[in-house]
Amino acid sequence: MAVCSNCGAAGTRIKTIFPLDGSAPHDECPHCSPESFEKFTMPSDKKIWMGYEAHPNEYVKSEDGGYDRKPEYRAEQEEKLRQPSEEERAQQEKAIAEKRKHRRTHPMDAAELAQAMAKAEELAGWLTASGDVN
């Protein structure tokens, strides 16, 4: 175990700081300088907990030795999955606003109707020529 030269505490987490300005090095430890140390965690604390480990009250042990979700918990999770995400809601609202901005509010006039009919006849001609229409 090392001893901190700054406060005299003994420990395994002591680091020596060598300043860039060339001044004398000094020690830091969790006792005298806790702000420069992260909270110590075990490797198992950084494990991702899933399923029955994360929510043990929402699972029941099955006959095969595994764990099954309770029906009400499964229904709750499936309902959450059916709900649109925030991104999907934003896209839907944007599409609705765009549609309202560019929607037709009056019937076609004669020129627009003639143009639409000409385009439809052109497409119908291509389909009959290709043999796709019965």
Protein backbone atom coordinates (compact mmCIF):
# COMPACT_ATOMS: atom_id res chain seq x y z
CA MET A 1 0.00 0.00 0.00
CA ALA A 2 1.21 3.50 -0.79
CA VAL A 3 1.09 6.54 1.47
CA CYS A 4 -0.13 9.89 0.15
CA SER A 5 2.58 12.54 0.67
CA ASN A 6 -0.09 15.25 0.71
CA CYS A 7 -2.29 14.01 3.59
CA GLY A 8 -0.51 10.91 4.89
CA ALA A 9 -3.40 8.50 4.20
CA ALA A 10 -2.50 4.96 3.17
CA GLY A 11 -4.31 3.43 0.21
CA THR A 12 -4.10 1.74 -3.15
CA ARG A 13 -5.53 4.62 -5.19
CA ILE A 14 -2.83 7.29 -4.91
CA LYS A 15 -1.68 9.16 -7.98
CA THR A 16 1.27 11.49 -8.39
CA ILE A 17 0.65 14.67 -10.38
CA PHE A 18 3.55 16.16 -12.35
CA PRO A 19 2.56 19.76 -13.20
CA LEU A 20 3.42 21.10 -16.66
CA ASP A 21 4.92 24.28 -15.24
CA GLY A 22 7.87 22.29 -13.81
CA SER A 23 6.93 22.72 -10.17
CA ALA A 24 7.38 19.88 -7.68
CA PRO A 25 5.12 16.82 -8.10
CA HIS A 26 2.43 16.18 -5.50
CA ASP A 27 0.21 13.24 -4.58
CA GLU A 28 -3.57 13.00 -4.63
CA CYS A 29 -5.75 10.35 -3.03
CA PRO A 30 -9.51 9.86 -2.59
CA HIS A 31 -9.17 11.12 1.00
CA CYS A 32 -7.58 14.54 0.29
CA SER A 33 -8.83 15.10 -3.28
CA PRO A 34 -12.06 13.13 -3.87
CA GLU A 35 -13.12 15.35 -6.79
CA SER A 36 -10.28 14.02 -8.97
CA PHE A 37 -11.33 10.38 -8.53
CA GLU A 38 -14.27 8.54 -10.05
CA LYS A 39 -16.54 6.53 -7.82
CA PHE A 40 -14.94 3.12 -7.51
CA THR A 41 -17.12 0.42 -9.02
CA MET A 42 -16.68 -3.27 -9.35
CA PRO A 43 -16.63 -4.69 -12.89
CA SER A 44 -19.93 -6.43 -12.13
CA ASP A 45 -21.52 -3.02 -11.43
CA LYS A 46 -20.95 -2.11 -15.07
CA LYS A 47 -22.85 -5.16 -16.27
CA ILE A 48 -25.97 -4.66 -18.34
CA TRP A 49 -28.88 -6.14 -16.42
CA MET A 50 -31.67 -7.53 -18.58
CA GLY A 51 -34.93 -9.36 -18.19
CA TYR A 52 -35.54 -11.16 -14.93
CA GLU A 53 -32.33 -9.74 -13.38
CA ALA A 54 -33.45 -6.13 -13.90
CA HIS A 55 -37.14 -6.66 -13.08
CA PRO A 56 -37.36 -9.76 -10.86
CA ASN A 57 -40.94 -9.02 -9.72
CA GLU A 58 -42.20 -9.09 -13.32
CA TYR A 59 -41.10 -12.67 -14.04
CA VAL A 60 -42.05 -16.13 -12.83
CA LYS A 61 -39.86 -19.21 -12.85
CA SER A 62 -40.90 -21.69 -15.53
CA GLU A 63 -40.79 -25.50 -15.43
CA ASP A 64 -37.73 -25.66 -17.68
CA GLY A 65 -35.64 -23.62 -15.22
CA GLY A 66 -35.88 -20.34 -17.11
CA TYR A 67 -37.99 -17.29 -16.46
CA ASP A 68 -41.18 -16.16 -18.20
CA ARG A 69 -42.71 -12.69 -18.18
CA LYS A 70 -45.97 -12.29 -16.33
CA PRO A 71 -48.88 -11.80 -18.78
CA GLU A 72 -49.70 -8.29 -17.54
CA TYR A 73 -46.04 -7.22 -17.86
CA ARG A 74 -45.87 -8.66 -21.37
CA ALA A 75 -49.07 -6.81 -22.36
CA GLU A 76 -47.68 -3.57 -20.93
CA GLN A 77 -44.43 -3.94 -22.89
CA GLU A 78 -46.26 -4.80 -26.13
CA GLU A 79 -48.49 -1.74 -25.70
CA LYS A 80 -45.40 0.45 -25.33
CA LEU A 81 -44.00 -1.05 -28.55
CA ARG A 82 -47.24 -0.30 -30.42
CA GLN A 83 -47.09 3.39 -29.47
CA PRO A 84 -45.27 5.60 -31.99
CA SER A 85 -41.91 6.96 -30.94
CA GLU A 86 -41.28 10.67 -30.46
CA GLU A 87 -39.48 10.78 -33.82
CA GLU A 88 -42.40 9.11 -35.60
CA ARG A 89 -44.85 11.55 -33.99
CA ALA A 90 -42.73 14.51 -35.10
CA GLN A 91 -42.57 13.15 -38.67
CA GLN A 92 -46.35 12.63 -38.70
CA GLU A 93 -47.01 16.17 -37.45
CA LYS A 94 -44.62 17.56 -40.08
CA ALA A 95 -46.36 15.57 -42.84
CA ILE A 96 -49.79 16.78 -41.70
CA ALA A 97 -48.61 20.39 -41.63
CA GLU A 98 -47.11 20.03 -45.11
CA LYS A 99 -50.30 18.45 -46.45
CA ARG A 100 -52.44 21.24 -45.00
CA LYS A 101 -50.09 23.83 -46.45
CA HIS A 102 -50.31 22.43 -50.01
CA ARG A 103 -53.79 20.90 -50.14
CA ARG A 104 -56.25 21.76 -52.89
CA THR A 105 -59.08 23.97 -51.68
CA HIS A 106 -60.89 24.50 -54.97
CA PRO A 107 -61.92 22.18 -57.85
CA MET A 108 -59.82 21.82 -61.01
CA ASP A 109 -60.43 24.37 -63.69
CA ALA A 110 -60.76 23.38 -67.37
CA ALA A 111 -57.03 23.70 -68.16
CA GLU A 112 -55.96 21.57 -65.16
CA LEU A 113 -58.58 18.96 -66.01
CA ALA A 114 -57.40 18.80 -69.65
CA GLN A 115 -53.77 18.43 -68.52
CA ALA A 116 -54.68 15.61 -66.10
CA MET A 117 -56.73 13.80 -68.77
CA ALA A 118 -53.86 14.06 -71.27
CA LYS A 119 -51.43 12.55 -68.74
CA ALA A 120 -53.91 9.72 -67.95
CA GLU A 121 -54.35 8.93 -71.65
CA GLU A 122 -50.57 8.90 -72.10
CA LEU A 123 -50.13 6.42 -69.24
CA ALA A 124 -53.00 4.27 -70.51
CA GLY A 125 -51.35 4.20 -73.95
CA TRP A 126 -48.06 2.96 -72.46
CA LEU A 127 -49.86 0.24 -70.49
CA THR A 128 -51.82 -1.05 -73.49
CA ALA A 129 -48.68 -1.00 -75.67
CA SER A 130 -46.73 -3.05 -73.10
CA GLY A 131 -49.56 -5.60 -72.78
CA ASP A 132 -49.94 -5.23 -69.00
CA VAL A 133 -53.64 -4.38 -69.22
CA ASN A 134 -56.15 -7.17 -69.90
